[in-house]
C-alpha atoms as a PDB file:
ATOM      1  CA  MET A   1      39.076  53.130  -0.563  1.00  0.00           C
ATOM      2  CA  LYS A   2      37.627  51.336  -3.595  1.00  0.00           C
ATOM      3  CA  LYS A   3      38.194  47.961  -1.904  1.00  0.00           C
ATOM      4  CA  LEU A   4      36.575  49.257   1.305  1.00  0.00           C
ATOM      5  CA  ALA A   5      33.521  50.499  -0.593  1.00  0.00           C
ATOM      6  CA  ILE A   6      33.120  47.156  -2.355  1.00  0.00           C
ATOM      7  CA  LEU A   7      33.350  45.362   1.012  1.00  0.00           C
ATOM      8  CA  VAL A   8      30.683  47.617   2.582  1.00  0.00           C
ATOM      9  CA  ILE A   9      28.345  47.116  -0.386  1.00  0.00           C
ATOM     10  CA  SER A  10      28.827  43.334  -0.203  1.00  0.00           C
ATOM     11  CA  VAL A  11      27.982  43.283   3.499  1.00  0.00           C
ATOM     12  CA  LEU A  12      24.860  45.392   2.910  1.00  0.00           C
ATOM     13  CA  LEU A  13      23.736  43.052   0.140  1.00  0.00           C
ATOM     14  CA  LEU A  14      24.190  40.030   2.400  1.00  0.00           C
ATOM     15  CA  VAL A  15      22.207  41.681   5.190  1.00  0.00           C
ATOM     16  CA  GLY A  16      19.480  42.695   2.773  1.00  0.00           C
ATOM     17  CA  CYS A  17      19.218  39.171   1.340  1.00  0.00           C
ATOM     18  CA  GLY A  18      18.942  37.822   4.843  1.00  0.00           C
ATOM     19  CA  LYS A  19      15.746  39.813   5.353  1.00  0.00           C
ATOM     20  CA  ASP A  20      14.020  38.416   2.273  1.00  0.00           C
ATOM     21  CA  LYS A  21      13.523  34.819   3.377  1.00  0.00           C
ATOM     22  CA  PRO A  22      11.140  32.707   1.339  1.00  0.00           C
ATOM     23  CA  ASN A  23       7.771  31.994   2.871  1.00  0.00           C
ATOM     24  CA  GLU A  24       7.921  28.800   4.895  1.00  0.00           C
ATOM     25  CA  PRO A  25       4.861  26.554   5.154  1.00  0.00           C
ATOM     26  CA  ASN A  26       3.127  26.530   8.493  1.00  0.00           C
ATOM     27  CA  PRO A  27       3.862  23.342  10.417  1.00  0.00           C
ATOM     28  CA  VAL A  28       1.031  20.842  10.587  1.00  0.00           C
ATOM     29  CA  GLU A  29      -0.621  20.933  13.974  1.00  0.00           C
ATOM     30  CA  PRO A  30      -0.329  17.584  15.741  1.00  0.00           C
ATOM     31  CA  VAL A  31      -3.443  15.661  16.730  1.00  0.00           C
ATOM     32  CA  SER A  32      -3.522  14.380  20.281  1.00  0.00           C
ATOM     33  CA  ILE A  33      -5.509  11.292  21.228  1.00  0.00           C
ATOM     34  CA  ILE A  34      -8.447  11.329  23.608  1.00  0.00           C
ATOM     35  CA  THR A  35      -8.612   8.103  25.601  1.00  0.00           C
ATOM     36  CA  LEU A  36     -12.080   6.571  25.780  1.00  0.00           C
ATOM     37  CA  THR A  37     -12.830   4.673  28.989  1.00  0.00           C
ATOM     38  CA  SER A  38     -16.442   3.481  29.082  1.00  0.00           C
ATOM     39  CA  PRO A  39     -18.228   1.566  27.611  1.00  0.00           C
ATOM     40  CA  ALA A  40     -15.203  -0.565  26.820  1.00  0.00           C
ATOM     41  CA  GLN A  41     -14.284  -1.418  23.251  1.00  0.00           C
ATOM     42  CA  ASN A  42     -16.436  -4.240  21.790  1.00  0.00           C
ATOM     43  CA  SER A  43     -18.374  -4.601  25.032  1.00  0.00           C
ATOM     44  CA  ALA A  44     -21.968  -5.550  25.746  1.00  0.00           C
ATOM     45  CA  CYS A  45     -23.273  -2.565  27.671  1.00  0.00           C
ATOM     46  CA  ILE A  46     -25.690  -4.052  30.202  1.00  0.00           C
ATOM     47  CA  THR A  47     -25.473  -1.336  32.872  1.00  0.00           C
ATOM     48  CA  GLY A  48     -27.568   1.333  31.180  1.00  0.00           C
ATOM     49  CA  THR A  49     -30.489   2.862  33.062  1.00  0.00           C
ATOM     50  CA  ALA A  50     -33.866   1.781  31.719  1.00  0.00           C
ATOM     51  CA  ILE A  51     -35.921   4.513  30.032  1.00  0.00           C
ATOM     52  CA  SER A  52     -38.493   2.271  28.383  1.00  0.00           C
ATOM     53  CA  ALA A  53     -38.833  -1.246  27.019  1.00  0.00           C
ATOM     54  CA  SER A  54     -36.997  -0.128  23.879  1.00  0.00           C
ATOM     55  CA  GLN A  55     -34.479   2.423  25.208  1.00  0.00           C
ATOM     56  CA  SER A  56     -31.926   2.867  27.969  1.00  0.00           C
ATOM     57  CA  ALA A  57     -29.582   5.647  29.106  1.00  0.00           C
ATOM     58  CA  VAL A  58     -25.902   4.812  28.627  1.00  0.00           C
ATOM     59  CA  GLU A  59     -23.134   6.898  30.184  1.00  0.00           C
ATOM     60  CA  LEU A  60     -20.117   7.491  27.939  1.00  0.00           C
ATOM     61  CA  LYS A  61     -16.827   8.491  29.591  1.00  0.00           C
ATOM     62  CA  TRP A  62     -13.362   9.519  28.440  1.00  0.00           C
ATOM     63  CA  ASP A  63     -10.210  11.090  29.870  1.00  0.00           C
ATOM     64  CA  LYS A  64     -10.305  14.847  30.362  1.00  0.00           C
ATOM     65  CA  VAL A  65      -8.393  17.095  27.947  1.00  0.00           C
ATOM     66  CA  ASN A  66      -6.666  20.075  29.582  1.00  0.00           C
ATOM     67  CA  ASN A  67      -8.180  23.456  28.647  1.00  0.00           C
ATOM     68  CA  ALA A  68     -10.987  21.849  26.654  1.00  0.00           C
ATOM     69  CA  THR A  69     -14.274  23.733  27.052  1.00  0.00           C
ATOM     70  CA  LEU A  70     -16.506  21.659  24.762  1.00  0.00           C
ATOM     71  CA  TYR A  71     -16.476  18.066  23.542  1.00  0.00           C
ATOM     72  CA  THR A  72     -18.241  16.702  20.463  1.00  0.00           C
ATOM     73  CA  ILE A  73     -19.501  13.147  20.822  1.00  0.00           C
ATOM     74  CA  THR A  74     -20.393  11.241  17.651  1.00  0.00           C
ATOM     75  CA  ILE A  75     -22.631   8.188  18.079  1.00  0.00           C
ATOM     76  CA  LYS A  76     -23.426   5.924  15.124  1.00  0.00           C
ATOM     77  CA  ASP A  77     -26.242   3.380  15.038  1.00  0.00           C
ATOM     78  CA  LEU A  78     -24.590   0.428  13.275  1.00  0.00           C
ATOM     79  CA  LEU A  79     -27.936  -1.038  12.220  1.00  0.00           C
ATOM     80  CA  THR A  80     -29.122   2.042  10.339  1.00  0.00           C
ATOM     81  CA  GLY A  81     -25.766   3.720   9.657  1.00  0.00           C
ATOM     82  CA  THR A  82     -27.094   6.979  11.122  1.00  0.00           C
ATOM     83  CA  SER A  83     -24.606   9.206  12.994  1.00  0.00           C
ATOM     84  CA  THR A  84     -25.608  11.886  15.505  1.00  0.00           C
ATOM     85  CA  ASP A  85     -23.391  14.535  17.113  1.00  0.00           C
ATOM     86  CA  TYR A  86     -23.838  15.716  20.687  1.00  0.00           C
ATOM     87  CA  THR A  87     -21.902  18.223  22.810  1.00  0.00           C
ATOM     88  CA  ALA A  88     -20.782  18.146  26.439  1.00  0.00           C
ATOM     89  CA  THR A  89     -18.760  20.456  28.674  1.00  0.00           C
ATOM     90  CA  GLN A  90     -17.475  17.627  30.865  1.00  0.00           C
ATOM     91  CA  ASN A  91     -15.673  14.400  29.986  1.00  0.00           C
ATOM     92  CA  GLN A  92     -18.850  12.339  30.131  1.00  0.00           C
ATOM     93  CA  PHE A  93     -22.203  12.224  28.393  1.00  0.00           C
ATOM     94  CA  THR A  94     -25.410  10.262  28.936  1.00  0.00           C
ATOM     95  CA  ALA A  95     -27.072   9.115  25.718  1.00  0.00           C
ATOM     96  CA  SER A  96     -30.555   7.707  25.257  1.00  0.00           C
ATOM     97  CA  LEU A  97     -30.046   4.690  23.005  1.00  0.00           C
ATOM     98  CA  ASN A  98     -32.103   1.885  21.526  1.00  0.00           C
ATOM     99  CA  ARG A  99     -31.809  -1.497  23.204  1.00  0.00           C
ATOM    100  CA  ASN A 100     -30.503  -4.540  21.341  1.00  0.00           C
ATOM    101  CA  THR A 101     -28.531  -2.244  19.047  1.00  0.00           C
ATOM    102  CA  PRO A 102     -24.814  -2.010  18.225  1.00  0.00           C
ATOM    103  CA  TYR A 103     -23.212   1.443  18.312  1.00  0.00           C
ATOM    104  CA  ALA A 104     -19.909   3.102  17.466  1.00  0.00           C
ATOM    105  CA  TRP A 105     -18.774   6.265  19.239  1.00  0.00           C
ATOM    106  CA  SER A 106     -15.920   8.754  19.282  1.00  0.00           C
ATOM    107  CA  VAL A 107     -15.034  12.097  20.903  1.00  0.00           C
ATOM    108  CA  ALA A 108     -13.266  15.207  19.586  1.00  0.00           C
ATOM    109  CA  THR A 109     -12.368  18.585  21.075  1.00  0.00           C
ATOM    110  CA  GLN A 110     -10.125  21.594  20.595  1.00  0.00           C
ATOM    111  CA  ALA A 111      -8.456  23.212  23.617  1.00  0.00           C
ATOM    112  CA  SER A 112      -9.253  26.897  24.098  1.00  0.00           C
ATOM    113  CA  VAL A 113      -5.589  27.944  24.302  1.00  0.00           C
ATOM    114  CA  ALA A 114      -4.226  25.947  21.376  1.00  0.00           C
ATOM    115  CA  ALA A 115      -4.994  25.004  17.795  1.00  0.00           C
ATOM    116  CA  VAL A 116      -4.274  21.354  18.493  1.00  0.00           C
ATOM    117  CA  ILE A 117      -7.297  19.133  17.855  1.00  0.00           C
ATOM    118  CA  SER A 118      -7.827  16.110  20.060  1.00  0.00           C
ATOM    119  CA  LYS A 119      -9.632  13.051  18.722  1.00  0.00           C
ATOM    120  CA  SER A 120     -10.346   9.598  20.049  1.00  0.00           C
ATOM    121  CA  GLU A 121     -10.376   6.222  18.387  1.00  0.00           C
ATOM    122  CA  ILE A 122     -13.740   4.826  17.319  1.00  0.00           C
ATOM    123  CA  TRP A 123     -15.040   2.269  19.810  1.00  0.00           C
ATOM    124  CA  LYS A 124     -18.024  -0.056  19.540  1.00  0.00           C
ATOM    125  CA  PHE A 125     -20.431  -1.444  22.081  1.00  0.00           C
ATOM    126  CA  TYR A 126     -23.719  -3.312  22.124  1.00  0.00           C
ATOM    127  CA  ASN A 127     -26.569  -1.750  24.081  1.00  0.00           C
ATOM    128  CA  ALA A 128     -28.219  -4.890  25.395  1.00  0.00           C
ATOM    129  CA  GLY A 129     -31.855  -5.525  26.166  1.00  0.00           C
ATOM    130  CA  ASN A 130     -33.591  -7.467  28.907  1.00  0.00           C
ATOM    131  CA  GLY A 131     -33.032 -11.195  28.680  1.00  0.00           C
ATOM    132  CA  ILE A 132     -30.422 -10.983  25.915  1.00  0.00           C
ATOM    133  CA  THR A 133     -27.526 -13.345  26.590  1.00  0.00           C
ATOM    134  CA  TRP A 134     -25.884 -13.351  23.156  1.00  0.00           C
ATOM    135  CA  TYR A 135     -25.158 -10.589  20.667  1.00  0.00           C
ATOM    136  CA  ALA A 136     -24.810 -10.346  16.911  1.00  0.00           C
ATOM    137  CA  PRO A 137     -21.331  -9.407  15.657  1.00  0.00           C
ATOM    138  CA  PHE A 138     -20.507  -5.774  15.003  1.00  0.00           C
ATOM    139  CA  PRO A 139     -20.589  -4.958  11.276  1.00  0.00           C
ATOM    140  CA  ALA A 140     -17.092  -5.273   9.803  1.00  0.00           C
ATOM    141  CA  ASP A 141     -15.356  -1.949   9.194  1.00  0.00           C
ATOM    142  CA  ASN A 142     -12.018  -0.537   8.003  1.00  0.00           C
ATOM    143  CA  LEU A 143     -12.641  -2.223   4.671  1.00  0.00           C
ATOM    144  CA  MET A 144      -9.643  -1.925   2.335  1.00  0.00           C
ATOM    145  CA  PRO A 145     -10.110  -1.044  -0.491  1.00  0.00           C
ATOM    146  CA  SER A 146     -12.021   1.774   1.151  1.00  0.00           C
ATOM    147  CA  TRP A 147     -14.856   3.913  -0.200  1.00  0.00           C
ATOM    148  CA  ASP A 148     -14.051   5.183  -3.741  1.00  0.00           C
ATOM    149  CA  GLN A 149     -10.402   4.156  -3.413  1.00  0.00           C
ATOM    150  CA  SER A 150      -8.379   3.725  -6.607  1.00  0.00           C
ATOM    151  CA  VAL A 151      -6.534   0.416  -6.349  1.00  0.00           C
ATOM    152  CA  THR A 152      -3.267  -0.593  -7.967  1.00  0.00           C
ATOM    153  CA  THR A 153      -3.056  -4.349  -8.435  1.00  0.00           C
ATOM    154  CA  ILE A 154       0.000  -6.577  -8.542  1.00  0.00           C
ATOM    155  CA  SER A 155      -0.157  -8.952 -11.512  1.00  0.00           C
ATOM    156  CA  GLY A 156      -3.897  -8.250 -11.633  1.00  0.00           C
ATOM    157  CA  LYS A 157      -4.480  -9.279  -8.016  1.00  0.00           C
ATOM    158  CA  THR A 158      -5.007  -7.572  -4.664  1.00  0.00           C
ATOM    159  CA  THR A 159      -5.775  -8.369  -1.015  1.00  0.00           C
ATOM    160  CA  LEU A 160      -9.064  -7.419   0.642  1.00  0.00           C
ATOM    161  CA  THR A 161      -8.857  -6.681   4.377  1.00  0.00           C
ATOM    162  CA  TRP A 162     -11.290  -5.607   7.090  1.00  0.00           C
ATOM    163  CA  THR A 163     -11.779  -5.487  10.870  1.00  0.00           C
ATOM    164  CA  GLY A 164     -14.295  -7.613  12.735  1.00  0.00           C
ATOM    165  CA  GLY A 165     -15.580  -7.338  16.297  1.00  0.00           C
ATOM    166  CA  ASP A 166     -18.034  -9.085  18.582  1.00  0.00           C
ATOM    167  CA  ALA A 167     -19.196  -8.445  22.152  1.00  0.00           C
ATOM    168  CA  ASP A 168     -19.132 -12.197  22.827  1.00  0.00           C
ATOM    169  CA  ASN A 169     -15.739 -12.597  21.157  1.00  0.00           C
ATOM    170  CA  ASP A 170     -17.051 -15.574  19.208  1.00  0.00           C
ATOM    171  CA  ILE A 171     -16.676 -14.637  15.535  1.00  0.00           C
ATOM    172  CA  LEU A 172     -16.705 -17.822  13.478  1.00  0.00           C
ATOM    173  CA  ASN A 173     -15.981 -16.649   9.942  1.00  0.00           C
ATOM    174  CA  TYR A 174     -16.716 -14.133   7.185  1.00  0.00           C
ATOM    175  CA  ASP A 175     -18.365 -14.135   3.767  1.00  0.00           C
ATOM    176  CA  VAL A 176     -17.022 -11.744   1.108  1.00  0.00           C
ATOM    177  CA  TYR A 177     -19.180 -10.389  -1.702  1.00  0.00           C
ATOM    178  CA  LEU A 178     -17.572  -8.731  -4.742  1.00  0.00           C
ATOM    179  CA  GLY A 179     -18.847  -7.641  -8.134  1.00  0.00           C
ATOM    180  CA  THR A 180     -19.454  -4.834 -10.600  1.00  0.00           C
ATOM    181  CA  THR A 181     -22.948  -3.927  -9.377  1.00  0.00           C
ATOM    182  CA  SER A 182     -24.170  -2.343  -6.152  1.00  0.00           C
ATOM    183  CA  SER A 183     -25.572  -5.767  -5.167  1.00  0.00           C
ATOM    184  CA  PRO A 184     -22.366  -7.815  -5.455  1.00  0.00           C
ATOM    185  CA  PRO A 185     -22.553 -11.628  -5.567  1.00  0.00           C
ATOM    186  CA  LEU A 186     -20.845 -13.955  -3.112  1.00  0.00           C
ATOM    187  CA  LEU A 187     -17.138 -14.315  -3.886  1.00  0.00           C
ATOM    188  CA  LYS A 188     -16.030 -16.610  -1.067  1.00  0.00           C
ATOM    189  CA  LYS A 189     -17.703 -17.842   2.109  1.00  0.00           C
ATOM    190  CA  GLU A 190     -16.593 -18.989   5.553  1.00  0.00           C
ATOM    191  CA  ILE A 191     -13.242 -17.185   5.579  1.00  0.00           C
ATOM    192  CA  ALA A 192     -11.476 -17.661   8.912  1.00  0.00           C
ATOM    193  CA  GLU A 193      -9.235 -14.579   8.814  1.00  0.00           C
ATOM    194  CA  ALA A 194     -10.162 -10.916   8.280  1.00  0.00           C
ATOM    195  CA  LYS A 195      -8.554 -10.854   4.842  1.00  0.00           C
ATOM    196  CA  LEU A 196      -8.819 -12.450   1.419  1.00  0.00           C
ATOM    197  CA  GLU A 197      -5.673 -12.672  -0.666  1.00  0.00           C
ATOM    198  CA  ASN A 198      -5.060 -13.030  -4.418  1.00  0.00           C
ATOM    199  CA  VAL A 199      -8.376 -11.516  -5.490  1.00  0.00           C
ATOM    200  CA  GLU A 200      -8.348 -11.078  -9.264  1.00  0.00           C
ATOM    201  CA  LEU A 201      -9.453  -7.664 -10.551  1.00  0.00           C
ATOM    202  CA  THR A 202      -9.672  -6.075 -13.999  1.00  0.00           C
ATOM    203  CA  SER A 203      -8.118  -2.697 -14.780  1.00  0.00           C
ATOM    204  CA  LYS A 204     -10.405   0.308 -15.423  1.00  0.00           C
ATOM    205  CA  VAL A 205     -13.369  -1.440 -13.794  1.00  0.00           C
ATOM    206  CA  ASN A 206     -15.580  -0.200 -10.949  1.00  0.00           C
ATOM    207  CA  TYR A 207     -16.210  -2.734  -8.188  1.00  0.00           C
ATOM    208  CA  TYR A 208     -18.434  -3.074  -5.129  1.00  0.00           C
ATOM    209  CA  TRP A 209     -17.797  -5.270  -2.130  1.00  0.00           C
ATOM    210  CA  LYS A 210     -19.039  -6.058   1.376  1.00  0.00           C
ATOM    211  CA  VAL A 211     -18.331  -8.404   4.266  1.00  0.00           C
ATOM    212  CA  VAL A 212     -20.808 -10.491   6.257  1.00  0.00           C
ATOM    213  CA  THR A 213     -19.601 -11.453   9.737  1.00  0.00           C
ATOM    214  CA  ARG A 214     -20.891 -14.660  11.354  1.00  0.00           C
ATOM    215  CA  ASP A 215     -20.576 -15.780  14.991  1.00  0.00           C
ATOM    216  CA  LYS A 216     -20.749 -19.239  16.533  1.00  0.00           C
ATOM    217  CA  SER A 217     -24.440 -18.831  17.314  1.00  0.00           C
ATOM    218  CA  GLY A 218     -25.234 -18.228  13.654  1.00  0.00           C
ATOM    219  CA  ASN A 219     -25.843 -14.482  14.043  1.00  0.00           C
ATOM    220  CA  THR A 220     -24.651 -12.303  11.171  1.00  0.00           C
ATOM    221  CA  SER A 221     -24.061  -8.647  10.372  1.00  0.00           C
ATOM    222  CA  GLU A 222     -23.252  -6.804   7.126  1.00  0.00           C
ATOM    223  CA  SER A 223     -20.618  -4.143   6.596  1.00  0.00           C
ATOM    224  CA  GLY A 224     -22.510  -2.223   3.939  1.00  0.00           C
ATOM    225  CA  VAL A 225     -21.428  -2.059   0.292  1.00  0.00           C
ATOM    226  CA  VAL A 226     -18.178  -0.212  -0.504  1.00  0.00           C
ATOM    227  CA  PRO A 227     -17.362   0.949  -4.070  1.00  0.00           C
ATOM    228  CA  PHE A 228     -13.819   1.167  -5.447  1.00  0.00           C
ATOM    229  CA  THR A 229     -12.047   1.340  -8.795  1.00  0.00           C
ATOM    230  CA  VAL A 230      -9.011  -0.374 -10.302  1.00  0.00           C
ATOM    231  CA  LYS A 231      -6.322   1.716 -12.004  1.00  0.00           C
END
């Protein structure tokens, strides 16, 4: 009987322990991608409807997301750096935009029956004006080191990278500016690739850098100044 009692108690303890499971972290909700369709990436949008001499209406389109009831469209003026959010119930939106201006845009939504957030990539286009046959490059983006990033160097050196784009697909080269003030001096000019290797940096120093993109017609655009630090 003693052995039977011990066995029963052991079973009860096992069952009881099985009920007290440690709290498990909630799984991270996946992010699905919204596919943008129009205007095409890095395109010169010349099909907008004229509103005035300085503005035109441009229709933005993307693939529909099932069960989505509201979309948020973010449009950024790449000349001023100003971003504006709009909302739409359908998978399209008509925006009144300045002519002769480069823009970046993206779309996000959350389906009504799920916690999964859907986001698009960021695309760029140039809203052309009357008589314009060439376009300045889009300002370089995806600068690495990124804003306020803390960089670990290898033997005191690192690689600077960025992304360039142009509606005419005629980028010629890049100029890189780097320094310890918010108005960094020119480090190297006429770089053919979107990267600069073996850049010497000093530990515990704050840096600023930017990229100027140049096309074959001599047009240029600036990325804006990005600060970062070195560990």
